[in-house]
Amino acid sequence: MSTKEKLIERFRELPKNFTFEETVKLLSIFGYKQHNKGATSGSRIRFKNAETGLYIDLHKPHPRSIMKGWMMKAIYQHLKNNGLIK
């Protein structure tokens, strides 16, 4: 099993210790790139897929890098609804 496959499997389990850095890597596997929404965007970050035009808006977790459960579920649902993950 490749590193990418392991990361996808880990994400599918919706672990409570999934980090923002892992999220960036995961989304890049599916063609999403990180874009800040502007100078005043604060912790809001947009991940956009240039091929499909789809995007995901997230808040970068702070002070720790651990993703919130509701954000994980929202990402999972987005990827599932768009046929990128089972």
PDB file of N, CA and C in Angstrom:
ATOM      1  N   MET A   1       0.855  -1.179   0.000  1.00  0.00           N
ATOM      2  CA  MET A   1       0.000   0.000   0.000  1.00  0.00           C
ATOM      3  C   MET A   1       0.894   1.232   0.000  1.00  0.00           C
ATOM      4  N   SER A   2       0.617   2.159  -0.912  1.00  0.00           N
ATOM      5  CA  SER A   2       1.435   3.366  -1.032  1.00  0.00           C
ATOM      6  C   SER A   2       1.137   4.352   0.104  1.00  0.00           C
ATOM      7  N   THR A   3       1.990   5.347   0.217  1.00  0.00           N
ATOM      8  CA  THR A   3       1.815   6.377   1.240  1.00  0.00           C
ATOM      9  C   THR A   3       0.492   7.111   1.035  1.00  0.00           C
ATOM     10  N   LYS A   4       0.166   7.401  -0.226  1.00  0.00           N
ATOM     11  CA  LYS A   4      -1.097   8.087  -0.532  1.00  0.00           C
ATOM     12  C   LYS A   4      -2.291   7.239  -0.110  1.00  0.00           C
ATOM     13  N   GLU A   5      -2.241   5.959  -0.429  1.00  0.00           N
ATOM     14  CA  GLU A   5      -3.335   5.051  -0.064  1.00  0.00           C
ATOM     15  C   GLU A   5      -3.487   4.954   1.448  1.00  0.00           C
ATOM     16  N   LYS A   6      -2.358   4.932   2.167  1.00  0.00           N
ATOM     17  CA  LYS A   6      -2.399   4.877   3.628  1.00  0.00           C
ATOM     18  C   LYS A   6      -3.033   6.135   4.210  1.00  0.00           C
ATOM     19  N   LEU A   7      -2.697   7.287   3.630  1.00  0.00           N
ATOM     20  CA  LEU A   7      -3.265   8.548   4.105  1.00  0.00           C
ATOM     21  C   LEU A   7      -4.774   8.579   3.858  1.00  0.00           C
ATOM     22  N   ILE A   8      -5.201   8.125   2.688  1.00  0.00           N
ATOM     23  CA  ILE A   8      -6.633   8.086   2.370  1.00  0.00           C
ATOM     24  C   ILE A   8      -7.360   7.147   3.322  1.00  0.00           C
ATOM     25  N   GLU A   9      -6.792   5.988   3.584  1.00  0.00           N
ATOM     26  CA  GLU A   9      -7.404   5.034   4.516  1.00  0.00           C
ATOM     27  C   GLU A   9      -7.502   5.624   5.919  1.00  0.00           C
ATOM     28  N   ARG A  10      -6.443   6.279   6.345  1.00  0.00           N
ATOM     29  CA  ARG A  10      -6.446   6.913   7.677  1.00  0.00           C
ATOM     30  C   ARG A  10      -7.557   7.967   7.741  1.00  0.00           C
ATOM     31  N   PHE A  11      -7.681   8.771   6.700  1.00  0.00           N
ATOM     32  CA  PHE A  11      -8.712   9.806   6.668  1.00  0.00           C
ATOM     33  C   PHE A  11     -10.118   9.198   6.703  1.00  0.00           C
ATOM     34  N   ARG A  12     -10.329   8.123   5.973  1.00  0.00           N
ATOM     35  CA  ARG A  12     -11.656   7.494   5.906  1.00  0.00           C
ATOM     36  C   ARG A  12     -12.143   7.035   7.271  1.00  0.00           C
ATOM     37  N   GLU A  13     -11.218   6.784   8.182  1.00  0.00           N
ATOM     38  CA  GLU A  13     -11.584   6.382   9.547  1.00  0.00           C
ATOM     39  C   GLU A  13     -11.960   7.583  10.412  1.00  0.00           C
ATOM     40  N   LEU A  14     -11.785   8.800   9.881  1.00  0.00           N
ATOM     41  CA  LEU A  14     -12.061  10.057  10.596  1.00  0.00           C
ATOM     42  C   LEU A  14     -11.434  10.074  11.994  1.00  0.00           C
ATOM     43  N   PRO A  15     -10.098   9.913  12.045  1.00  0.00           N
ATOM     44  CA  PRO A  15      -9.432   9.886  13.351  1.00  0.00           C
ATOM     45  C   PRO A  15      -9.494  11.244  14.045  1.00  0.00           C
ATOM     46  N   LYS A  16      -9.427  11.223  15.346  1.00  0.00           N
ATOM     47  CA  LYS A  16      -9.517  12.455  16.131  1.00  0.00           C
ATOM     48  C   LYS A  16      -8.198  13.228  16.160  1.00  0.00           C
ATOM     49  N   ASN A  17      -7.124  12.635  15.619  1.00  0.00           N
ATOM     50  CA  ASN A  17      -5.820  13.294  15.647  1.00  0.00           C
ATOM     51  C   ASN A  17      -5.292  13.602  14.240  1.00  0.00           C
ATOM     52  N   PHE A  18      -6.180  13.766  13.267  1.00  0.00           N
ATOM     53  CA  PHE A  18      -5.790  14.101  11.895  1.00  0.00           C
ATOM     54  C   PHE A  18      -5.380  15.572  11.867  1.00  0.00           C
ATOM     55  N   THR A  19      -4.213  15.871  11.314  1.00  0.00           N
ATOM     56  CA  THR A  19      -3.686  17.232  11.353  1.00  0.00           C
ATOM     57  C   THR A  19      -4.031  18.024  10.099  1.00  0.00           C
ATOM     58  N   PHE A  20      -3.872  19.335  10.195  1.00  0.00           N
ATOM     59  CA  PHE A  20      -4.095  20.207   9.056  1.00  0.00           C
ATOM     60  C   PHE A  20      -3.107  19.877   7.941  1.00  0.00           C
ATOM     61  N   GLU A  21      -1.872  19.578   8.297  1.00  0.00           N
ATOM     62  CA  GLU A  21      -0.848  19.234   7.306  1.00  0.00           C
ATOM     63  C   GLU A  21      -1.244  17.972   6.541  1.00  0.00           C
ATOM     64  N   GLU A  22      -1.799  16.989   7.242  1.00  0.00           N
ATOM     65  CA  GLU A  22      -2.283  15.774   6.580  1.00  0.00           C
ATOM     66  C   GLU A  22      -3.453  16.106   5.659  1.00  0.00           C
ATOM     67  N   THR A  23      -4.291  17.042   6.076  1.00  0.00           N
ATOM     68  CA  THR A  23      -5.435  17.458   5.258  1.00  0.00           C
ATOM     69  C   THR A  23      -4.951  18.084   3.958  1.00  0.00           C
ATOM     70  N   VAL A  24      -3.935  18.938   4.037  1.00  0.00           N
ATOM     71  CA  VAL A  24      -3.370  19.570   2.840  1.00  0.00           C
ATOM     72  C   VAL A  24      -2.844  18.498   1.890  1.00  0.00           C
ATOM     73  N   LYS A  25      -2.127  17.511   2.425  1.00  0.00           N
ATOM     74  CA  LYS A  25      -1.599  16.418   1.602  1.00  0.00           C
ATOM     75  C   LYS A  25      -2.729  15.612   0.975  1.00  0.00           C
ATOM     76  N   LEU A  26      -3.744  15.304   1.777  1.00  0.00           N
ATOM     77  CA  LEU A  26      -4.884  14.530   1.292  1.00  0.00           C
ATOM     78  C   LEU A  26      -5.573  15.243   0.134  1.00  0.00           C
ATOM     79  N   LEU A  27      -5.873  16.511   0.327  1.00  0.00           N
ATOM     80  CA  LEU A  27      -6.571  17.254  -0.717  1.00  0.00           C
ATOM     81  C   LEU A  27      -5.719  17.410  -1.972  1.00  0.00           C
ATOM     82  N   SER A  28      -4.406  17.503  -1.815  1.00  0.00           N
ATOM     83  CA  SER A  28      -3.531  17.608  -2.991  1.00  0.00           C
ATOM     84  C   SER A  28      -3.557  16.314  -3.812  1.00  0.00           C
ATOM     85  N   ILE A  29      -3.780  15.185  -3.154  1.00  0.00           N
ATOM     86  CA  ILE A  29      -3.906  13.905  -3.872  1.00  0.00           C
ATOM     87  C   ILE A  29      -5.060  13.979  -4.865  1.00  0.00           C
ATOM     88  N   PHE A  30      -6.122  14.683  -4.495  1.00  0.00           N
ATOM     89  CA  PHE A  30      -7.305  14.795  -5.337  1.00  0.00           C
ATOM     90  C   PHE A  30      -7.291  16.043  -6.219  1.00  0.00           C
ATOM     91  N   GLY A  31      -6.151  16.736  -6.290  1.00  0.00           N
ATOM     92  CA  GLY A  31      -5.988  17.872  -7.191  1.00  0.00           C
ATOM     93  C   GLY A  31      -6.355  19.223  -6.616  1.00  0.00           C
ATOM     94  N   TYR A  32      -6.564  19.312  -5.314  1.00  0.00           N
ATOM     95  CA  TYR A  32      -6.910  20.586  -4.682  1.00  0.00           C
ATOM     96  C   TYR A  32      -5.642  21.314  -4.262  1.00  0.00           C
ATOM     97  N   LYS A  33      -5.626  22.618  -4.511  1.00  0.00           N
ATOM     98  CA  LYS A  33      -4.497  23.446  -4.089  1.00  0.00           C
ATOM     99  C   LYS A  33      -4.991  24.514  -3.138  1.00  0.00           C
ATOM    100  N   GLN A  34      -4.143  24.855  -2.190  1.00  0.00           N
ATOM    101  CA  GLN A  34      -4.485  25.810  -1.137  1.00  0.00           C
ATOM    102  C   GLN A  34      -4.407  27.242  -1.668  1.00  0.00           C
ATOM    103  N   HIS A  35      -5.459  28.023  -1.387  1.00  0.00           N
ATOM    104  CA  HIS A  35      -5.506  29.434  -1.764  1.00  0.00           C
ATOM    105  C   HIS A  35      -6.025  30.217  -0.569  1.00  0.00           C
ATOM    106  N   ASN A  36      -5.320  31.271  -0.189  1.00  0.00           N
ATOM    107  CA  ASN A  36      -5.871  32.173   0.827  1.00  0.00           C
ATOM    108  C   ASN A  36      -6.870  33.075   0.126  1.00  0.00           C
ATOM    109  N   LYS A  37      -7.916  33.424   0.823  1.00  0.00           N
ATOM    110  CA  LYS A  37      -8.979  34.209   0.212  1.00  0.00           C
ATOM    111  C   LYS A  37      -8.671  35.701   0.176  1.00  0.00           C
ATOM    112  N   GLY A  38      -7.539  36.125   0.694  1.00  0.00           N
ATOM    113  CA  GLY A  38      -7.170  37.541   0.685  1.00  0.00           C
ATOM    114  C   GLY A  38      -6.405  37.916   1.930  1.00  0.00           C
ATOM    115  N   ALA A  39      -5.969  39.147   1.985  1.00  0.00           N
ATOM    116  CA  ALA A  39      -5.142  39.614   3.103  1.00  0.00           C
ATOM    117  C   ALA A  39      -5.895  39.580   4.422  1.00  0.00           C
ATOM    118  N   THR A  40      -7.200  39.710   4.378  1.00  0.00           N
ATOM    119  CA  THR A  40      -7.988  39.731   5.614  1.00  0.00           C
ATOM    120  C   THR A  40      -8.708  38.411   5.864  1.00  0.00           C
ATOM    121  N   SER A  41      -8.244  37.350   5.232  1.00  0.00           N
ATOM    122  CA  SER A  41      -8.944  36.069   5.351  1.00  0.00           C
ATOM    123  C   SER A  41      -8.735  35.392   6.701  1.00  0.00           C
ATOM    124  N   GLY A  42      -7.723  35.810   7.443  1.00  0.00           N
ATOM    125  CA  GLY A  42      -7.468  35.193   8.746  1.00  0.00           C
ATOM    126  C   GLY A  42      -7.149  33.718   8.594  1.00  0.00           C
ATOM    127  N   SER A  43      -7.868  32.868   9.324  1.00  0.00           N
ATOM    128  CA  SER A  43      -7.591  31.436   9.270  1.00  0.00           C
ATOM    129  C   SER A  43      -8.412  30.726   8.196  1.00  0.00           C
ATOM    130  N   ARG A  44      -9.209  31.481   7.439  1.00  0.00           N
ATOM    131  CA  ARG A  44      -9.999  30.867   6.367  1.00  0.00           C
ATOM    132  C   ARG A  44      -9.111  30.552   5.174  1.00  0.00           C
ATOM    133  N   ILE A  45      -9.220  29.321   4.698  1.00  0.00           N
ATOM    134  CA  ILE A  45      -8.411  28.879   3.575  1.00  0.00           C
ATOM    135  C   ILE A  45      -9.316  28.151   2.592  1.00  0.00           C
ATOM    136  N   ARG A  46      -9.114  28.423   1.312  1.00  0.00           N
ATOM    137  CA  ARG A  46      -9.876  27.754   0.260  1.00  0.00           C
ATOM    138  C   ARG A  46      -8.953  26.770  -0.448  1.00  0.00           C
ATOM    139  N   PHE A  47      -9.471  25.580  -0.671  1.00  0.00           N
ATOM    140  CA  PHE A  47      -8.784  24.570  -1.462  1.00  0.00           C
ATOM    141  C   PHE A  47      -9.582  24.422  -2.740  1.00  0.00           C
ATOM    142  N   LYS A  48      -8.924  24.671  -3.880  1.00  0.00           N
ATOM    143  CA  LYS A  48      -9.633  24.657  -5.153  1.00  0.00           C
ATOM    144  C   LYS A  48      -9.007  23.636  -6.090  1.00  0.00           C
ATOM    145  N   ASN A  49      -9.876  22.934  -6.817  1.00  0.00           N
ATOM    146  CA  ASN A  49      -9.443  21.992  -7.830  1.00  0.00           C
ATOM    147  C   ASN A  49      -9.549  22.708  -9.170  1.00  0.00           C
ATOM    148  N   ALA A  50      -8.405  22.969  -9.818  1.00  0.00           N
ATOM    149  CA  ALA A  50      -8.379  23.731 -11.065  1.00  0.00           C
ATOM    150  C   ALA A  50      -9.106  23.004 -12.198  1.00  0.00           C
ATOM    151  N   GLU A  51      -9.061  21.683 -12.201  1.00  0.00           N
ATOM    152  CA  GLU A  51      -9.702  20.907 -13.275  1.00  0.00           C
ATOM    153  C   GLU A  51     -11.220  20.960 -13.193  1.00  0.00           C
ATOM    154  N   THR A  52     -11.761  20.767 -11.994  1.00  0.00           N
ATOM    155  CA  THR A  52     -13.212  20.659 -11.837  1.00  0.00           C
ATOM    156  C   THR A  52     -13.869  21.964 -11.416  1.00  0.00           C
ATOM    157  N   GLY A  53     -13.092  22.889 -10.863  1.00  0.00           N
ATOM    158  CA  GLY A  53     -13.648  24.136 -10.356  1.00  0.00           C
ATOM    159  C   GLY A  53     -14.263  23.993  -8.969  1.00  0.00           C
ATOM    160  N   LEU A  54     -14.242  22.785  -8.414  1.00  0.00           N
ATOM    161  CA  LEU A  54     -14.783  22.546  -7.077  1.00  0.00           C
ATOM    162  C   LEU A  54     -13.859  23.157  -6.032  1.00  0.00           C
ATOM    163  N   TYR A  55     -14.443  23.567  -4.917  1.00  0.00           N
ATOM    164  CA  TYR A  55     -13.615  24.111  -3.845  1.00  0.00           C
ATOM    165  C   TYR A  55     -14.180  23.727  -2.478  1.00  0.00           C
ATOM    166  N   ILE A  56     -13.282  23.775  -1.508  1.00  0.00           N
ATOM    167  CA  ILE A  56     -13.618  23.502  -0.112  1.00  0.00           C
ATOM    168  C   ILE A  56     -13.073  24.661   0.701  1.00  0.00           C
ATOM    169  N   ASP A  57     -13.912  25.286   1.519  1.00  0.00           N
ATOM    170  CA  ASP A  57     -13.475  26.343   2.420  1.00  0.00           C
ATOM    171  C   ASP A  57     -13.339  25.772   3.824  1.00  0.00           C
ATOM    172  N   LEU A  58     -12.192  26.029   4.451  1.00  0.00           N
ATOM    173  CA  LEU A  58     -11.924  25.535   5.800  1.00  0.00           C
ATOM    174  C   LEU A  58     -11.371  26.653   6.668  1.00  0.00           C
ATOM    175  N   HIS A  59     -11.420  26.432   7.951  1.00  0.00           N
ATOM    176  CA  HIS A  59     -10.716  27.280   8.903  1.00  0.00           C
ATOM    177  C   HIS A  59      -9.511  26.492   9.385  1.00  0.00           C
ATOM    178  N   LYS A  60      -8.348  27.105   9.282  1.00  0.00           N
ATOM    179  CA  LYS A  60      -7.138  26.448   9.768  1.00  0.00           C
ATOM    180  C   LYS A  60      -7.229  26.369  11.284  1.00  0.00           C
ATOM    181  N   PRO A  61      -7.104  25.160  11.831  1.00  0.00           N
ATOM    182  CA  PRO A  61      -7.242  25.020  13.289  1.00  0.00           C
ATOM    183  C   PRO A  61      -6.089  25.700  14.031  1.00  0.00           C
ATOM    184  N   HIS A  62      -6.424  26.266  15.163  1.00  0.00           N
ATOM    185  CA  HIS A  62      -5.398  26.892  15.992  1.00  0.00           C
ATOM    186  C   HIS A  62      -5.874  26.875  17.432  1.00  0.00           C
ATOM    187  N   PRO A  63      -5.064  26.852  18.423  1.00  0.00           N
ATOM    188  CA  PRO A  63      -3.614  26.962  18.324  1.00  0.00           C
ATOM    189  C   PRO A  63      -2.946  25.651  17.923  1.00  0.00           C
ATOM    190  N   ARG A  64      -3.656  24.537  18.063  1.00  0.00           N
ATOM    191  CA  ARG A  64      -3.084  23.251  17.647  1.00  0.00           C
ATOM    192  C   ARG A  64      -3.480  22.965  16.212  1.00  0.00           C
ATOM    193  N   SER A  65      -2.815  22.009  15.611  1.00  0.00           N
ATOM    194  CA  SER A  65      -3.013  21.699  14.198  1.00  0.00           C
ATOM    195  C   SER A  65      -4.034  20.577  13.968  1.00  0.00           C
ATOM    196  N   ILE A  66      -4.693  20.110  15.013  1.00  0.00           N
ATOM    197  CA  ILE A  66      -5.638  18.986  14.898  1.00  0.00           C
ATOM    198  C   ILE A  66      -6.959  19.487  14.310  1.00  0.00           C
ATOM    199  N   MET A  67      -7.435  18.776  13.293  1.00  0.00           N
ATOM    200  CA  MET A  67      -8.682  19.141  12.622  1.00  0.00           C
ATOM    201  C   MET A  67      -9.887  18.831  13.518  1.00  0.00           C
ATOM    202  N   LYS A  68     -10.894  19.672  13.452  1.00  0.00           N
ATOM    203  CA  LYS A  68     -12.138  19.456  14.190  1.00  0.00           C
ATOM    204  C   LYS A  68     -12.941  18.351  13.501  1.00  0.00           C
ATOM    205  N   GLY A  69     -13.694  17.612  14.295  1.00  0.00           N
ATOM    206  CA  GLY A  69     -14.492  16.515  13.765  1.00  0.00           C
ATOM    207  C   GLY A  69     -15.477  16.943  12.706  1.00  0.00           C
ATOM    208  N   TRP A  70     -16.138  18.095  12.904  1.00  0.00           N
ATOM    209  CA  TRP A  70     -17.126  18.550  11.932  1.00  0.00           C
ATOM    210  C   TRP A  70     -16.470  18.934  10.610  1.00  0.00           C
ATOM    211  N   MET A  71     -15.222  19.430  10.663  1.00  0.00           N
ATOM    212  CA  MET A  71     -14.511  19.763   9.425  1.00  0.00           C
ATOM    213  C   MET A  71     -14.139  18.493   8.666  1.00  0.00           C
ATOM    214  N   MET A  72     -13.702  17.494   9.415  1.00  0.00           N
ATOM    215  CA  MET A  72     -13.353  16.213   8.804  1.00  0.00           C
ATOM    216  C   MET A  72     -14.561  15.610   8.095  1.00  0.00           C
ATOM    217  N   LYS A  73     -15.705  15.629   8.765  1.00  0.00           N
ATOM    218  CA  LYS A  73     -16.926  15.073   8.176  1.00  0.00           C
ATOM    219  C   LYS A  73     -17.335  15.859   6.930  1.00  0.00           C
ATOM    220  N   ALA A  74     -17.192  17.173   6.963  1.00  0.00           N
ATOM    221  CA  ALA A  74     -17.545  18.006   5.816  1.00  0.00           C
ATOM    222  C   ALA A  74     -16.634  17.709   4.614  1.00  0.00           C
ATOM    223  N   ILE A  75     -15.348  17.544   4.868  1.00  0.00           N
ATOM    224  CA  ILE A  75     -14.406  17.205   3.795  1.00  0.00           C
ATOM    225  C   ILE A  75     -14.739  15.834   3.229  1.00  0.00           C
ATOM    226  N   TYR A  76     -14.968  14.869   4.116  1.00  0.00           N
ATOM    227  CA  TYR A  76     -15.313  13.510   3.686  1.00  0.00           C
ATOM    228  C   TYR A  76     -16.569  13.534   2.814  1.00  0.00           C
ATOM    229  N   GLN A  77     -17.585  14.254   3.253  1.00  0.00           N
ATOM    230  CA  GLN A  77     -18.842  14.318   2.511  1.00  0.00           C
ATOM    231  C   GLN A  77     -18.631  14.966   1.141  1.00  0.00           C
ATOM    232  N   HIS A  78     -17.828  16.015   1.075  1.00  0.00           N
ATOM    233  CA  HIS A  78     -17.535  16.687  -0.180  1.00  0.00           C
ATOM    234  C   HIS A  78     -16.842  15.729  -1.146  1.00  0.00           C
ATOM    235  N   LEU A  79     -15.824  15.038  -0.654  1.00  0.00           N
ATOM    236  CA  LEU A  79     -15.083  14.112  -1.511  1.00  0.00           C
ATOM    237  C   LEU A  79     -15.973  12.946  -1.958  1.00  0.00           C
ATOM    238  N   LYS A  80     -16.815  12.472  -1.067  1.00  0.00           N
ATOM    239  CA  LYS A  80     -17.718  11.365  -1.389  1.00  0.00           C
ATOM    240  C   LYS A  80     -18.781  11.802  -2.407  1.00  0.00           C
ATOM    241  N   ASN A  81     -19.386  12.963  -2.179  1.00  0.00           N
ATOM    242  CA  ASN A  81     -20.425  13.453  -3.081  1.00  0.00           C
ATOM    243  C   ASN A  81     -19.909  13.699  -4.504  1.00  0.00           C
ATOM    244  N   ASN A  82     -18.630  13.980  -4.624  1.00  0.00           N
ATOM    245  CA  ASN A  82     -18.039  14.253  -5.922  1.00  0.00           C
ATOM    246  C   ASN A  82     -17.289  13.051  -6.499  1.00  0.00           C
ATOM    247  N   GLY A  83     -17.507  11.878  -5.910  1.00  0.00           N
ATOM    248  CA  GLY A  83     -16.957  10.636  -6.436  1.00  0.00           C
ATOM    249  C   GLY A  83     -15.464  10.471  -6.312  1.00  0.00           C
ATOM    250  N   LEU A  84     -14.855  11.172  -5.390  1.00  0.00           N
ATOM    251  CA  LEU A  84     -13.410  11.092  -5.225  1.00  0.00           C
ATOM    252  C   LEU A  84     -12.983  10.075  -4.180  1.00  0.00           C
ATOM    253  N   ILE A  85     -13.895   9.717  -3.294  1.00  0.00           N
ATOM    254  CA  ILE A  85     -13.596   8.786  -2.212  1.00  0.00           C
ATOM    255  C   ILE A  85     -14.840   7.954  -1.949  1.00  0.00           C
ATOM    256  N   LYS A  86     -14.621   6.742  -1.469  1.00  0.00           N
ATOM    257  CA  LYS A  86     -15.764   5.866  -1.162  1.00  0.00           C
ATOM    258  C   LYS A  86     -16.167   5.986   0.279  1.00  0.00           C
TER     259      LYS A  86
END
